[in-house]
């Protein structure tokens, strides 16, 4: 993506990393590692595109919420795993 997306965490700013998000998403596919390998990058790019079109800066909590919503539409079990790994479950 050509636009820069900044992530704010604890008062610090760092550039968004689609690579880190891809790894995080792949870890959520413990029930289907092959799908994780095949789809994690494209799911991360989907999240990145949504974030860039809607925001110029986000928090890590924003990224986690949007990623979770994206995974819910694609694979509910992966979404649950992702939520558990990121303490999003109530």
N, C-alpha and C. Protein backbone atom coordinates (compact mmCIF):
# COMPACT_ATOMS: atom_id res chain seq x y z
N UNK A 1 0.84 -1.17 0.00
CA UNK A 1 0.00 0.00 0.00
C UNK A 1 0.89 1.24 0.00
N UNK A 2 0.47 2.25 -0.64
CA UNK A 2 1.29 3.44 -0.76
C UNK A 2 1.10 4.41 0.39
N UNK A 3 -0.01 4.38 1.05
CA UNK A 3 -0.27 5.30 2.16
C UNK A 3 0.38 4.78 3.43
N UNK A 4 0.90 5.71 4.22
CA UNK A 4 1.50 5.35 5.51
C UNK A 4 0.40 5.31 6.56
N UNK A 5 0.38 4.26 7.33
CA UNK A 5 -0.56 4.12 8.43
C UNK A 5 0.23 4.04 9.71
N UNK A 6 -0.04 4.96 10.63
CA UNK A 6 0.66 4.98 11.90
C UNK A 6 -0.16 4.27 12.97
N UNK A 7 0.54 3.53 13.82
CA UNK A 7 -0.08 2.81 14.93
C UNK A 7 0.39 3.44 16.23
N UNK A 8 -0.56 3.82 17.07
CA UNK A 8 -0.25 4.41 18.37
C UNK A 8 -0.40 3.36 19.46
N UNK A 9 0.68 3.15 20.20
CA UNK A 9 0.67 2.21 21.33
C UNK A 9 1.41 2.87 22.48
N UNK A 10 0.72 3.05 23.59
CA UNK A 10 1.32 3.62 24.81
C UNK A 10 2.04 4.94 24.53
N UNK A 11 1.44 5.78 23.71
CA UNK A 11 2.00 7.09 23.42
C UNK A 11 3.07 7.11 22.36
N UNK A 12 3.52 5.96 21.89
CA UNK A 12 4.53 5.88 20.84
C UNK A 12 3.86 5.59 19.50
N UNK A 13 4.51 6.02 18.43
CA UNK A 13 4.00 5.80 17.08
C UNK A 13 4.96 4.89 16.33
N UNK A 14 4.40 3.95 15.60
CA UNK A 14 5.21 3.10 14.73
C UNK A 14 4.41 2.82 13.46
N UNK A 15 5.09 2.50 12.37
CA UNK A 15 4.37 2.21 11.13
C UNK A 15 3.64 0.88 11.24
N UNK A 16 2.49 0.80 10.59
CA UNK A 16 1.72 -0.44 10.53
C UNK A 16 2.55 -1.50 9.81
N UNK A 17 2.49 -2.73 10.28
CA UNK A 17 3.22 -3.84 9.67
C UNK A 17 2.25 -4.92 9.23
N UNK A 18 2.06 -5.03 7.92
CA UNK A 18 1.19 -6.08 7.41
C UNK A 18 1.81 -7.46 7.68
N UNK A 19 3.13 -7.52 7.76
CA UNK A 19 3.81 -8.79 8.06
C UNK A 19 3.48 -9.29 9.45
N UNK A 20 3.53 -8.40 10.43
CA UNK A 20 3.17 -8.80 11.80
C UNK A 20 1.72 -9.25 11.87
N UNK A 21 0.84 -8.53 11.19
CA UNK A 21 -0.57 -8.90 11.22
C UNK A 21 -0.78 -10.25 10.54
N UNK A 22 -0.06 -10.51 9.45
CA UNK A 22 -0.17 -11.79 8.75
C UNK A 22 0.20 -12.94 9.68
N UNK A 23 1.27 -12.79 10.42
CA UNK A 23 1.69 -13.83 11.37
C UNK A 23 0.64 -14.02 12.45
N UNK A 24 0.11 -12.93 12.97
CA UNK A 24 -0.91 -13.00 14.01
C UNK A 24 -2.16 -13.72 13.51
N UNK A 25 -2.55 -13.42 12.30
CA UNK A 25 -3.73 -14.09 11.72
C UNK A 25 -3.44 -15.56 11.48
N UNK A 26 -2.27 -15.89 10.95
CA UNK A 26 -1.92 -17.29 10.70
C UNK A 26 -1.98 -18.12 11.98
N UNK A 27 -1.58 -17.53 13.10
CA UNK A 27 -1.61 -18.24 14.39
C UNK A 27 -3.04 -18.57 14.81
N UNK A 28 -4.00 -17.83 14.31
CA UNK A 28 -5.40 -18.07 14.67
C UNK A 28 -5.97 -19.28 13.93
N UNK A 29 -5.25 -19.80 12.97
CA UNK A 29 -5.72 -20.94 12.18
C UNK A 29 -5.10 -22.25 12.65
N UNK A 30 -5.00 -22.43 13.96
CA UNK A 30 -4.44 -23.66 14.50
C UNK A 30 -5.27 -24.88 14.08
N UNK A 31 -6.55 -24.69 13.87
CA UNK A 31 -7.45 -25.77 13.48
C UNK A 31 -7.32 -26.12 12.00
N UNK A 32 -6.70 -25.22 11.21
CA UNK A 32 -6.55 -25.44 9.77
C UNK A 32 -5.29 -24.71 9.29
N UNK A 33 -4.11 -25.25 9.60
CA UNK A 33 -2.87 -24.57 9.25
C UNK A 33 -2.73 -24.28 7.75
N UNK A 34 -3.24 -25.15 6.91
CA UNK A 34 -3.15 -24.92 5.47
C UNK A 34 -3.91 -23.66 5.07
N UNK A 35 -5.10 -23.47 5.61
CA UNK A 35 -5.86 -22.25 5.34
C UNK A 35 -5.12 -21.03 5.86
N UNK A 36 -4.50 -21.17 7.02
CA UNK A 36 -3.71 -20.07 7.57
C UNK A 36 -2.59 -19.67 6.63
N UNK A 37 -1.89 -20.65 6.09
CA UNK A 37 -0.80 -20.37 5.15
C UNK A 37 -1.31 -19.71 3.87
N UNK A 38 -2.45 -20.18 3.41
CA UNK A 38 -2.98 -19.69 2.13
C UNK A 38 -3.69 -18.35 2.26
N UNK A 39 -4.34 -18.09 3.37
CA UNK A 39 -5.23 -16.94 3.46
C UNK A 39 -4.77 -15.81 4.38
N UNK A 40 -3.83 -16.06 5.27
CA UNK A 40 -3.45 -15.05 6.27
C UNK A 40 -2.99 -13.74 5.63
N UNK A 41 -2.17 -13.84 4.60
CA UNK A 41 -1.68 -12.62 3.95
C UNK A 41 -2.82 -11.81 3.35
N UNK A 42 -3.74 -12.48 2.68
CA UNK A 42 -4.84 -11.77 2.02
C UNK A 42 -5.82 -11.19 3.04
N UNK A 43 -6.01 -11.88 4.13
CA UNK A 43 -6.84 -11.33 5.20
C UNK A 43 -6.18 -10.10 5.82
N UNK A 44 -4.87 -10.17 6.02
CA UNK A 44 -4.14 -9.02 6.56
C UNK A 44 -4.21 -7.84 5.60
N UNK A 45 -4.10 -8.09 4.31
CA UNK A 45 -4.20 -7.00 3.33
C UNK A 45 -5.61 -6.40 3.32
N UNK A 46 -6.62 -7.23 3.53
CA UNK A 46 -8.00 -6.73 3.63
C UNK A 46 -8.12 -5.78 4.81
N UNK A 47 -7.58 -6.18 5.95
CA UNK A 47 -7.60 -5.32 7.15
C UNK A 47 -6.83 -4.03 6.87
N UNK A 48 -5.65 -4.15 6.27
CA UNK A 48 -4.83 -2.98 5.97
C UNK A 48 -5.59 -2.01 5.05
N UNK A 49 -6.21 -2.52 4.02
CA UNK A 49 -6.95 -1.66 3.09
C UNK A 49 -8.08 -0.94 3.81
N UNK A 50 -8.83 -1.66 4.64
CA UNK A 50 -9.92 -1.03 5.38
C UNK A 50 -9.39 0.07 6.30
N UNK A 51 -8.30 -0.23 7.01
CA UNK A 51 -7.72 0.75 7.93
C UNK A 51 -7.25 2.00 7.19
N UNK A 52 -6.58 1.82 6.06
CA UNK A 52 -6.05 2.95 5.30
C UNK A 52 -7.17 3.80 4.72
N UNK A 53 -8.24 3.17 4.27
CA UNK A 53 -9.33 3.95 3.68
C UNK A 53 -10.15 4.67 4.73
N UNK A 54 -10.13 4.19 5.95
CA UNK A 54 -10.94 4.78 7.01
C UNK A 54 -10.15 5.68 7.96
N UNK A 55 -8.85 5.47 8.08
CA UNK A 55 -8.05 6.15 9.10
C UNK A 55 -6.66 6.48 8.57
N UNK A 56 -6.03 7.47 9.17
CA UNK A 56 -4.62 7.72 8.90
C UNK A 56 -3.76 7.26 10.08
N UNK A 57 -4.40 7.07 11.22
CA UNK A 57 -3.70 6.54 12.39
C UNK A 57 -4.69 5.70 13.19
N UNK A 58 -4.16 4.65 13.81
CA UNK A 58 -4.99 3.72 14.58
C UNK A 58 -4.23 3.28 15.82
N UNK A 59 -4.95 2.66 16.73
CA UNK A 59 -4.30 2.03 17.88
C UNK A 59 -4.24 0.52 17.63
N UNK A 60 -3.46 -0.15 18.42
CA UNK A 60 -3.40 -1.61 18.29
C UNK A 60 -4.77 -2.22 18.60
N UNK A 61 -5.53 -1.60 19.48
CA UNK A 61 -6.88 -2.08 19.78
C UNK A 61 -7.78 -1.97 18.56
N UNK A 62 -7.64 -0.89 17.78
CA UNK A 62 -8.41 -0.75 16.54
C UNK A 62 -8.07 -1.88 15.57
N UNK A 63 -6.79 -2.16 15.42
CA UNK A 63 -6.35 -3.22 14.51
C UNK A 63 -6.91 -4.56 14.95
N UNK A 64 -6.84 -4.84 16.24
CA UNK A 64 -7.36 -6.10 16.75
C UNK A 64 -8.86 -6.22 16.50
N UNK A 65 -9.60 -5.16 16.72
CA UNK A 65 -11.06 -5.20 16.52
C UNK A 65 -11.42 -5.41 15.06
N UNK A 66 -10.75 -4.70 14.15
CA UNK A 66 -11.04 -4.84 12.73
C UNK A 66 -10.62 -6.22 12.23
N UNK A 67 -9.49 -6.71 12.70
CA UNK A 67 -9.04 -8.05 12.31
C UNK A 67 -10.04 -9.09 12.79
N UNK A 68 -10.51 -8.95 14.01
CA UNK A 68 -11.49 -9.89 14.54
C UNK A 68 -12.77 -9.88 13.71
N UNK A 69 -13.25 -8.68 13.37
CA UNK A 69 -14.46 -8.57 12.54
C UNK A 69 -14.25 -9.22 11.18
N UNK A 70 -13.08 -9.01 10.59
CA UNK A 70 -12.77 -9.61 9.29
C UNK A 70 -12.74 -11.13 9.39
N UNK A 71 -12.11 -11.64 10.43
CA UNK A 71 -12.05 -13.10 10.62
C UNK A 71 -13.43 -13.70 10.86
N UNK A 72 -14.30 -12.99 11.56
CA UNK A 72 -15.66 -13.48 11.80
C UNK A 72 -16.38 -13.74 10.49
N UNK A 73 -16.12 -12.91 9.49
CA UNK A 73 -16.77 -13.08 8.18
C UNK A 73 -16.16 -14.23 7.39
N UNK A 74 -14.93 -14.60 7.72
CA UNK A 74 -14.21 -15.61 6.93
C UNK A 74 -14.21 -16.99 7.59
N UNK A 75 -13.90 -17.04 8.89
CA UNK A 75 -13.77 -18.32 9.60
C UNK A 75 -14.02 -18.05 11.08
N UNK A 76 -15.17 -18.46 11.57
CA UNK A 76 -15.56 -18.13 12.94
C UNK A 76 -14.63 -18.77 13.98
N UNK A 77 -14.13 -19.96 13.71
CA UNK A 77 -13.21 -20.60 14.65
C UNK A 77 -11.89 -19.84 14.72
N UNK A 78 -11.38 -19.40 13.58
CA UNK A 78 -10.17 -18.58 13.57
C UNK A 78 -10.41 -17.26 14.31
N UNK A 79 -11.60 -16.69 14.14
CA UNK A 79 -11.94 -15.45 14.85
C UNK A 79 -11.93 -15.67 16.35
N UNK A 80 -12.44 -16.81 16.79
CA UNK A 80 -12.45 -17.12 18.22
C UNK A 80 -11.03 -17.31 18.74
N UNK A 81 -10.20 -18.02 17.98
CA UNK A 81 -8.80 -18.20 18.36
C UNK A 81 -8.09 -16.84 18.45
N UNK A 82 -8.32 -16.00 17.46
CA UNK A 82 -7.69 -14.67 17.43
C UNK A 82 -8.15 -13.86 18.65
N UNK A 83 -9.43 -13.91 18.94
CA UNK A 83 -9.96 -13.18 20.09
C UNK A 83 -9.33 -13.68 21.39
N UNK A 84 -9.17 -14.98 21.52
CA UNK A 84 -8.56 -15.53 22.73
C UNK A 84 -7.10 -15.10 22.84
N UNK A 85 -6.38 -15.12 21.73
CA UNK A 85 -4.97 -14.75 21.73
C UNK A 85 -4.74 -13.28 22.03
N UNK A 86 -5.76 -12.46 21.77
CA UNK A 86 -5.63 -11.00 21.95
C UNK A 86 -6.53 -10.47 23.06
N UNK A 87 -6.98 -11.38 23.93
CA UNK A 87 -7.80 -11.00 25.10
C UNK A 87 -9.02 -10.18 24.71
N UNK A 88 -9.68 -10.57 23.64
CA UNK A 88 -10.90 -9.88 23.20
C UNK A 88 -12.16 -10.55 23.69
N UNK A 89 -12.04 -11.71 24.29
CA UNK A 89 -13.22 -12.43 24.79
C UNK A 89 -13.66 -11.85 26.11
N UNK A 90 -14.97 -11.77 26.28
CA UNK A 90 -15.52 -11.23 27.54
C UNK A 90 -15.69 -12.33 28.55
